[in-house]
PDB file of N, CA and C in Angstrom:
ATOM      1  N   GLY A   1       0.949  -1.567  -0.303  1.00  0.00           N
ATOM      2  CA  GLY A   1       0.011   0.191  -0.081  1.00  0.00           C
ATOM      3  C   GLY A   1       0.866   1.120  -0.219  1.00  0.00           C
ATOM      4  N   GLY A   2       0.503   1.904  -0.202  1.00  0.00           N
ATOM      5  CA  GLY A   2       0.648   3.719  -0.049  1.00  0.00           C
ATOM      6  C   GLY A   2       1.721   4.294  -1.448  1.00  0.00           C
ATOM      7  N   ALA A   3       1.533   3.123  -2.797  1.00  0.00           N
ATOM      8  CA  ALA A   3       2.253   3.791  -3.847  1.00  0.00           C
ATOM      9  C   ALA A   3       2.149   4.799  -4.270  1.00  0.00           C
ATOM     10  N   VAL A   4       1.245   5.590  -4.174  1.00  0.00           N
ATOM     11  CA  VAL A   4       0.062   6.554  -4.678  1.00  0.00           C
ATOM     12  C   VAL A   4       1.253   7.912  -4.385  1.00  0.00           C
ATOM     13  N   ILE A   5       1.208   7.548  -3.107  1.00  0.00           N
ATOM     14  CA  ILE A   5       2.145   9.073  -2.514  1.00  0.00           C
ATOM     15  C   ILE A   5       3.898   8.562  -2.474  1.00  0.00           C
ATOM     16  N   ASP A   6       4.114   7.483  -3.055  1.00  0.00           N
ATOM     17  CA  ASP A   6       5.855   7.760  -3.309  1.00  0.00           C
ATOM     18  C   ASP A   6       5.811   7.698  -4.334  1.00  0.00           C
ATOM     19  N   PRO A   7       6.974   9.190  -4.724  1.00  0.00           N
ATOM     20  CA  PRO A   7       7.139   9.506  -5.546  1.00  0.00           C
ATOM     21  C   PRO A   7       7.781   8.508  -6.530  1.00  0.00           C
ATOM     22  N   ALA A   8       8.475   7.453  -6.464  1.00  0.00           N
ATOM     23  CA  ALA A   8       9.087   6.692  -6.597  1.00  0.00           C
ATOM     24  C   ALA A   8       8.118   5.659  -8.300  1.00  0.00           C
ATOM     25  N   ALA A   9       7.535   5.696  -7.658  1.00  0.00           N
ATOM     26  CA  ALA A   9       6.084   4.607  -7.498  1.00  0.00           C
ATOM     27  C   ALA A   9       5.749   5.065  -9.502  1.00  0.00           C
ATOM     28  N   ASP A  10       5.924   4.287 -10.242  1.00  0.00           N
ATOM     29  CA  ASP A  10       5.249   5.044 -11.652  1.00  0.00           C
ATOM     30  C   ASP A  10       4.915   4.058 -12.511  1.00  0.00           C
ATOM     31  N   ASP A  11       3.933   3.072 -11.541  1.00  0.00           N
ATOM     32  CA  ASP A  11       3.492   2.214 -12.770  1.00  0.00           C
ATOM     33  C   ASP A  11       2.245   2.528 -13.440  1.00  0.00           C
ATOM     34  N   GLU A  12       1.375   1.680 -14.719  1.00  0.00           N
ATOM     35  CA  GLU A  12       0.197   2.407 -15.109  1.00  0.00           C
ATOM     36  C   GLU A  12      -0.327   2.582 -14.079  1.00  0.00           C
ATOM     37  N   HIS A  13      -0.537   1.733 -12.699  1.00  0.00           N
ATOM     38  CA  HIS A  13      -2.133   2.073 -12.342  1.00  0.00           C
ATOM     39  C   HIS A  13      -1.776   3.211 -11.226  1.00  0.00           C
ATOM     40  N   THR A  14      -0.587   2.961 -10.968  1.00  0.00           N
ATOM     41  CA  THR A  14      -0.459   4.059  -9.936  1.00  0.00           C
ATOM     42  C   THR A  14      -0.287   5.755 -10.493  1.00  0.00           C
ATOM     43  N   LEU A  15       0.024   5.773 -11.634  1.00  0.00           N
ATOM     44  CA  LEU A  15       0.062   7.046 -12.693  1.00  0.00           C
ATOM     45  C   LEU A  15      -1.485   7.244 -13.118  1.00  0.00           C
ATOM     46  N   ALA A  16      -2.646   6.126 -12.994  1.00  0.00           N
ATOM     47  CA  ALA A  16      -4.158   6.785 -13.311  1.00  0.00           C
ATOM     48  C   ALA A  16      -4.528   7.055 -12.162  1.00  0.00           C
ATOM     49  N   ILE A  17      -3.959   6.394 -10.880  1.00  0.00           N
ATOM     50  CA  ILE A  17      -5.088   7.022  -9.839  1.00  0.00           C
ATOM     51  C   ILE A  17      -4.483   8.264  -9.384  1.00  0.00           C
ATOM     52  N   ARG A  18      -3.203   8.488  -9.617  1.00  0.00           N
ATOM     53  CA  ARG A  18      -2.917   9.945  -9.253  1.00  0.00           C
ATOM     54  C   ARG A  18      -3.756  10.936 -10.363  1.00  0.00           C
ATOM     55  N   ALA A  19      -4.023  10.833 -11.461  1.00  0.00           N
ATOM     56  CA  ALA A  19      -3.859  11.955 -12.440  1.00  0.00           C
ATOM     57  C   ALA A  19      -5.974  11.788 -11.836  1.00  0.00           C
ATOM     58  N   CYS A  20      -6.521  10.903 -11.344  1.00  0.00           N
ATOM     59  CA  CYS A  20      -8.060  10.485 -11.535  1.00  0.00           C
ATOM     60  C   CYS A  20      -8.046  11.785  -9.979  1.00  0.00           C
ATOM     61  N   ASN A  21      -7.063  11.517  -9.083  1.00  0.00           N
ATOM     62  CA  ASN A  21      -7.011  12.040  -7.802  1.00  0.00           C
ATOM     63  C   ASN A  21      -6.761  13.349  -8.420  1.00  0.00           C
ATOM     64  N   ASP A  22      -6.289  13.864  -8.669  1.00  0.00           N
ATOM     65  CA  ASP A  22      -5.781  15.575  -9.181  1.00  0.00           C
ATOM     66  C   ASP A  22      -6.760  15.667 -10.165  1.00  0.00           C
ATOM     67  N   ALA A  23      -7.442  15.070 -10.828  1.00  0.00           N
ATOM     68  CA  ALA A  23      -8.933  15.967 -11.751  1.00  0.00           C
ATOM     69  C   ALA A  23      -9.799  15.745 -11.138  1.00  0.00           C
ATOM     70  N   VAL A  24     -10.044  15.365  -9.357  1.00  0.00           N
ATOM     71  CA  VAL A  24     -11.249  15.455  -8.620  1.00  0.00           C
ATOM     72  C   VAL A  24     -10.883  16.386  -7.559  1.00  0.00           C
ATOM     73  N   ALA A  25     -10.067  16.539  -7.772  1.00  0.00           N
ATOM     74  CA  ALA A  25      -9.432  17.723  -6.703  1.00  0.00           C
ATOM     75  C   ALA A  25      -9.929  19.279  -6.930  1.00  0.00           C
ATOM     76  N   ALA A  26      -9.002  19.383  -8.848  1.00  0.00           N
ATOM     77  CA  ALA A  26      -9.463  20.280  -9.656  1.00  0.00           C
ATOM     78  C   ALA A  26     -11.076  20.544 -10.083  1.00  0.00           C
ATOM     79  N   ASP A  27     -11.884  19.617  -9.735  1.00  0.00           N
ATOM     80  CA  ASP A  27     -13.394  19.946 -10.193  1.00  0.00           C
ATOM     81  C   ASP A  27     -13.868  20.766  -9.443  1.00  0.00           C
ATOM     82  N   PRO A  28     -14.311  21.956  -9.722  1.00  0.00           N
ATOM     83  CA  PRO A  28     -15.376  22.563  -8.539  1.00  0.00           C
ATOM     84  C   PRO A  28     -16.533  22.229  -8.939  1.00  0.00           C
ATOM     85  N   ARG A  29     -16.663  21.607  -9.769  1.00  0.00           N
ATOM     86  CA  ARG A  29     -18.631  20.930  -9.803  1.00  0.00           C
ATOM     87  C   ARG A  29     -18.392  19.996  -8.698  1.00  0.00           C
ATOM     88  N   VAL A  30     -17.455  18.965  -7.437  1.00  0.00           N
ATOM     89  CA  VAL A  30     -17.632  18.305  -6.806  1.00  0.00           C
ATOM     90  C   VAL A  30     -16.899  18.669  -5.529  1.00  0.00           C
ATOM     91  N   GLU A  31     -17.561  18.287  -4.485  1.00  0.00           N
ATOM     92  CA  GLU A  31     -16.677  18.318  -3.390  1.00  0.00           C
ATOM     93  C   GLU A  31     -16.066  16.510  -2.942  1.00  0.00           C
ATOM     94  N   CYS A  32     -14.818  16.629  -2.421  1.00  0.00           N
ATOM     95  CA  CYS A  32     -14.263  15.334  -2.437  1.00  0.00           C
ATOM     96  C   CYS A  32     -13.295  14.975  -0.915  1.00  0.00           C
ATOM     97  N   VAL A  33     -12.931  13.950  -0.499  1.00  0.00           N
ATOM     98  CA  VAL A  33     -12.545  13.717   0.834  1.00  0.00           C
ATOM     99  C   VAL A  33     -11.949  12.148   0.445  1.00  0.00           C
ATOM    100  N   MET A  34     -10.616  11.970   0.737  1.00  0.00           N
ATOM    101  CA  MET A  34     -10.098  10.837   0.632  1.00  0.00           C
ATOM    102  C   MET A  34     -10.104  10.431   2.044  1.00  0.00           C
ATOM    103  N   LEU A  35     -10.398   8.734   2.548  1.00  0.00           N
ATOM    104  CA  LEU A  35     -10.227   8.833   3.795  1.00  0.00           C
ATOM    105  C   LEU A  35      -9.375   7.298   3.530  1.00  0.00           C
ATOM    106  N   PRO A  36      -8.582   7.043   4.632  1.00  0.00           N
ATOM    107  CA  PRO A  36      -7.578   6.094   4.713  1.00  0.00           C
ATOM    108  C   PRO A  36      -8.410   4.985   5.381  1.00  0.00           C
ATOM    109  N   VAL A  37      -8.756   4.626   4.625  1.00  0.00           N
ATOM    110  CA  VAL A  37      -9.723   3.007   4.329  1.00  0.00           C
ATOM    111  C   VAL A  37      -9.180   1.864   3.621  1.00  0.00           C
ATOM    112  N   ALA A  38      -8.489   0.630   4.260  1.00  0.00           N
ATOM    113  CA  ALA A  38      -7.959   0.047   3.282  1.00  0.00           C
ATOM    114  C   ALA A  38      -7.097   0.282   2.764  1.00  0.00           C
ATOM    115  N   ASP A  39      -7.281   0.484   1.292  1.00  0.00           N
ATOM    116  CA  ASP A  39      -5.985   1.286   0.267  1.00  0.00           C
ATOM    117  C   ASP A  39      -6.340   2.478  -0.369  1.00  0.00           C
ATOM    118  N   GLY A  40      -7.578   2.974   0.560  1.00  0.00           N
ATOM    119  CA  GLY A  40      -7.775   4.508  -0.076  1.00  0.00           C
ATOM    120  C   GLY A  40      -8.934   4.679  -0.308  1.00  0.00           C
ATOM    121  N   LEU A  41     -10.036   5.301  -0.066  1.00  0.00           N
ATOM    122  CA  LEU A  41     -11.602   5.390  -0.606  1.00  0.00           C
ATOM    123  C   LEU A  41     -11.742   6.697  -1.106  1.00  0.00           C
ATOM    124  N   THR A  42     -12.003   7.519  -1.660  1.00  0.00           N
ATOM    125  CA  THR A  42     -12.428   8.705  -2.114  1.00  0.00           C
ATOM    126  C   THR A  42     -14.137   8.960  -2.386  1.00  0.00           C
ATOM    127  N   LEU A  43     -14.082   9.420  -1.458  1.00  0.00           N
ATOM    128  CA  LEU A  43     -15.808   9.925  -1.456  1.00  0.00           C
ATOM    129  C   LEU A  43     -16.286  11.112  -2.307  1.00  0.00           C
ATOM    130  N   LEU A  44     -16.935  11.340  -3.053  1.00  0.00           N
ATOM    131  CA  LEU A  44     -17.641  12.365  -3.857  1.00  0.00           C
ATOM    132  C   LEU A  44     -18.784  12.814  -3.940  1.00  0.00           C
ATOM    133  N   ARG A  45     -19.143  14.229  -4.013  1.00  0.00           N
ATOM    134  CA  ARG A  45     -20.634  14.438  -3.899  1.00  0.00           C
ATOM    135  C   ARG A  45     -20.402  15.501  -4.928  1.00  0.00           C
ATOM    136  N   LYS A  46     -21.758  16.038  -5.222  1.00  0.00           N
ATOM    137  CA  LYS A  46     -21.447  16.728  -6.463  1.00  0.00           C
ATOM    138  C   LYS A  46     -22.935  18.165  -6.073  1.00  0.00           C
ATOM    139  N   LEU A  47     -22.076  18.891  -5.867  1.00  0.00           N
ATOM    140  CA  LEU A  47     -22.507  20.417  -5.515  1.00  0.00           C
ATOM    141  C   LEU A  47     -23.580  20.815  -6.220  1.00  0.00           C
ATOM    142  N   PRO A  48     -24.123  21.586  -6.002  1.00  0.00           N
ATOM    143  CA  PRO A  48     -25.777  22.142  -6.519  1.00  0.00           C
ATOM    144  C   PRO A  48     -25.660  23.150  -7.353  1.00  0.00           C
TER     145      PRO A  48
END
């Protein structure tokens, strides 16, 4: 676990998760929270 925060990890899946996290964090249409459950859990809420 923890590959997403490891800067040395550059496998395809880790890069895809990072890209998704960055896109969600930058999207003003949603509110997100990342929970430290198992390998990590991201919850999104569409803003009105």
